Amino acid sequence: MSENKIMDYDQTIKLVKEWRKKGERIVFTNGCFDIFHFGHIDYLEKARQLGDKLIVALNTDKSTSQIKGSQRPVINEYARARHMAALQFVDLVILFDELTPIILIEAIQPNILVKGRDYTNETIIGADFVIQHGGTVQTIPLIKGYSTTALIKSIQNDVDNNI
């Protein structure tokens, strides 16, 4: 069952050690992934193609609200985690409560750290650490027109226009 891919910190570290023993290249990305859409699918699928295993660190409801505002997330953390875990190209999902995933990045030491092209190496949390430890940082082009914020605004406009 896909729920088995959702792991806590200790389970994650244990599995990462097993993957490393097998020589697997570990790709790490993170985000809120609220109101999952085609842009997310494309991004995650491309991230997975960069290595052998893809870890998605998912902001909890608490950290998502702190980053995105009190009206977010729209979809709760359990549903978002299950959605991620159901994707065949996602190997592990871990929730994190902090504003950034730096603790996880330092513990996991991914071979490849991935973010969208809306970031640069200078703005990607953990980029310096990953590079200093022999890894690489990659940015993936985003599909224009797909964003959760834009989707929410579009829905709000539709509702406002029909009231």
Protein backbone atom coordinates (compact mmCIF):
# COMPACT_ATOMS: atom_id res chain seq x y z
CA MET A 1 0.00 0.00 0.00
CA SER A 2 1.25 3.49 -0.81
CA GLU A 3 0.91 4.53 2.83
CA ASN A 4 4.01 2.39 3.51
CA LYS A 5 6.08 4.98 1.63
CA ILE A 6 5.25 7.62 4.26
CA MET A 7 8.00 7.37 6.86
CA ASP A 8 9.18 9.11 9.98
CA TYR A 9 12.72 10.37 10.53
CA ASP A 10 14.21 7.14 11.91
CA GLN A 11 12.61 4.97 9.22
CA THR A 12 13.87 7.36 6.55
CA ILE A 13 17.46 7.31 7.79
CA LYS A 14 17.42 3.51 8.01
CA LEU A 15 16.09 3.12 4.46
CA VAL A 16 18.53 5.70 3.07
CA LYS A 17 21.42 3.68 4.57
CA GLU A 18 20.11 0.56 2.81
CA TRP A 19 19.84 2.41 -0.49
CA ARG A 20 23.39 3.75 -0.12
CA LYS A 21 24.75 0.24 0.48
CA LYS A 22 23.21 -0.75 -2.86
CA GLY A 23 24.78 2.25 -4.59
CA GLU A 24 21.44 3.96 -5.24
CA ARG A 25 21.60 7.66 -6.21
CA ILE A 26 19.24 9.55 -3.91
CA VAL A 27 17.28 12.54 -5.18
CA PHE A 28 15.70 14.89 -2.63
CA THR A 29 13.09 17.56 -3.10
CA ASN A 30 10.65 19.32 -0.85
CA GLY A 31 7.57 21.47 -0.87
CA CYS A 32 4.00 21.98 0.29
CA PHE A 33 2.39 20.38 -2.79
CA ASP A 34 -1.03 21.74 -1.84
CA ILE A 35 -3.81 21.08 -4.38
CA PHE A 36 -1.81 18.64 -6.46
CA HIS A 37 -1.74 19.46 -10.19
CA PHE A 38 -0.08 18.52 -13.48
CA GLY A 39 2.87 20.83 -12.82
CA HIS A 40 3.68 18.84 -9.68
CA ILE A 41 3.49 15.54 -11.56
CA ASP A 42 5.82 16.77 -14.30
CA TYR A 43 8.29 18.21 -11.77
CA LEU A 44 8.43 15.09 -9.61
CA GLU A 45 8.69 12.73 -12.55
CA LYS A 46 11.62 14.72 -13.93
CA ALA A 47 13.25 14.82 -10.48
CA ARG A 48 13.06 11.03 -10.20
CA GLN A 49 14.72 10.63 -13.60
CA LEU A 50 17.85 12.26 -12.16
CA GLY A 51 18.58 9.33 -9.84
CA ASP A 52 17.47 5.96 -8.52
CA LYS A 53 15.32 6.95 -5.53
CA LEU A 54 13.19 10.05 -4.97
CA ILE A 55 12.53 11.38 -1.49
CA VAL A 56 9.82 14.03 -1.16
CA ALA A 57 9.96 16.05 2.05
CA LEU A 58 6.50 17.47 2.57
CA ASN A 59 5.72 20.51 4.70
CA THR A 60 3.25 19.74 7.48
CA ASP A 61 0.05 21.74 7.81
CA LYS A 62 1.75 23.88 10.46
CA SER A 63 4.77 24.81 8.34
CA THR A 64 2.63 25.25 5.21
CA SER A 65 0.47 27.79 7.07
CA GLN A 66 3.56 29.61 8.29
CA ILE A 67 4.94 29.82 4.74
CA LYS A 68 1.78 30.31 2.67
CA GLY A 69 -0.59 32.02 5.11
CA SER A 70 -3.42 31.09 7.45
CA GLN A 71 -5.76 29.92 4.66
CA ARG A 72 -3.34 27.21 3.59
CA PRO A 73 -3.02 24.37 3.17
CA VAL A 74 -6.28 23.60 1.43
CA ILE A 75 -5.52 19.86 1.54
CA ASN A 76 -4.38 18.42 4.89
CA GLU A 77 -0.93 16.89 5.33
CA TYR A 78 -2.15 13.29 5.52
CA ALA A 79 -4.02 13.57 2.21
CA ARG A 80 -1.07 15.36 0.57
CA ALA A 81 1.34 12.69 1.83
CA ARG A 82 -0.90 9.87 0.58
CA HIS A 83 -1.19 11.58 -2.79
CA MET A 84 2.61 11.80 -3.07
CA ALA A 85 3.10 8.23 -1.89
CA ALA A 86 0.66 6.93 -4.51
CA LEU A 87 2.94 8.12 -7.31
CA GLN A 88 5.07 5.29 -8.70
CA PHE A 89 8.06 7.60 -9.18
CA VAL A 90 8.10 8.72 -5.52
CA ASP A 91 9.98 6.27 -3.30
CA LEU A 92 9.61 7.89 0.12
CA VAL A 93 7.60 10.72 1.67
CA ILE A 94 8.60 12.35 4.93
CA LEU A 95 6.72 15.19 6.65
CA PHE A 96 8.63 18.02 8.29
CA ASP A 97 7.37 20.68 10.68
CA GLU A 98 10.20 23.18 10.26
CA LEU A 99 10.15 26.10 7.84
CA THR A 100 13.02 24.58 5.86
CA PRO A 101 14.16 20.99 5.25
CA ILE A 102 17.81 21.65 6.18
CA ILE A 103 17.79 19.13 9.06
CA LEU A 104 16.58 16.42 6.68
CA ILE A 105 19.00 17.42 3.93
CA GLU A 106 21.93 17.22 6.35
CA ALA A 107 20.79 13.85 7.71
CA ILE A 108 19.99 12.27 4.34
CA GLN A 109 22.89 13.83 2.38
CA PRO A 110 21.23 13.34 -1.00
CA ASN A 111 23.31 12.85 -4.13
CA ILE A 112 21.03 15.28 -5.94
CA LEU A 113 19.02 18.15 -4.46
CA VAL A 114 16.23 19.34 -6.74
CA LYS A 115 14.01 22.42 -6.86
CA GLY A 116 12.05 24.21 -9.56
CA ARG A 117 13.66 26.76 -11.88
CA ASP A 118 12.03 29.50 -9.85
CA TYR A 119 14.98 28.90 -7.47
CA THR A 120 18.71 29.39 -7.99
CA ASN A 121 21.60 27.61 -6.26
CA GLU A 122 21.90 30.70 -4.07
CA THR A 123 18.28 30.47 -2.89
CA ILE A 124 17.96 26.68 -2.54
CA ILE A 125 18.10 25.69 1.12
CA GLY A 126 20.83 23.09 1.61
CA ALA A 127 22.52 23.63 -1.77
CA ASP A 128 25.87 24.57 -0.21
CA PHE A 129 25.75 21.55 2.10
CA VAL A 130 24.95 19.10 -0.71
CA ILE A 131 27.69 20.48 -2.96
CA GLN A 132 30.25 20.43 -0.11
CA HIS A 133 29.44 16.75 0.42
CA GLY A 134 29.96 15.78 -3.21
CA GLY A 135 26.37 16.05 -4.40
CA THR A 136 24.81 18.18 -7.10
CA VAL A 137 21.97 20.68 -7.20
CA GLN A 138 19.57 20.67 -10.13
CA THR A 139 16.70 22.94 -11.08
CA ILE A 140 13.83 21.70 -13.19
CA PRO A 141 11.83 23.94 -15.53
CA LEU A 142 8.29 24.52 -14.37
CA ILE A 143 5.31 24.27 -16.68
CA LYS A 144 3.91 27.75 -17.24
CA GLY A 145 0.37 28.24 -16.00
CA TYR A 146 0.44 25.57 -13.29
CA SER A 147 0.67 26.75 -9.70
CA THR A 148 -1.42 26.08 -6.63
CA THR A 149 -1.67 29.79 -5.86
CA ALA A 150 -2.94 30.55 -9.38
CA LEU A 151 -5.39 27.66 -9.14
CA ILE A 152 -6.78 28.94 -5.83
CA LYS A 153 -7.14 32.47 -7.26
CA SER A 154 -8.94 31.09 -10.31
CA ILE A 155 -11.39 29.15 -8.13
CA GLN A 156 -11.97 32.21 -5.92
CA ASN A 157 -12.64 34.36 -8.99
CA ASP A 158 -15.15 31.80 -10.30
CA VAL A 159 -16.92 31.74 -6.95
CA ASP A 160 -16.91 35.55 -6.67
CA ASN A 161 -18.29 35.92 -10.21
CA ASN A 162 -21.12 33.47 -9.53
CA ILE A 163 -22.32 34.97 -6.25
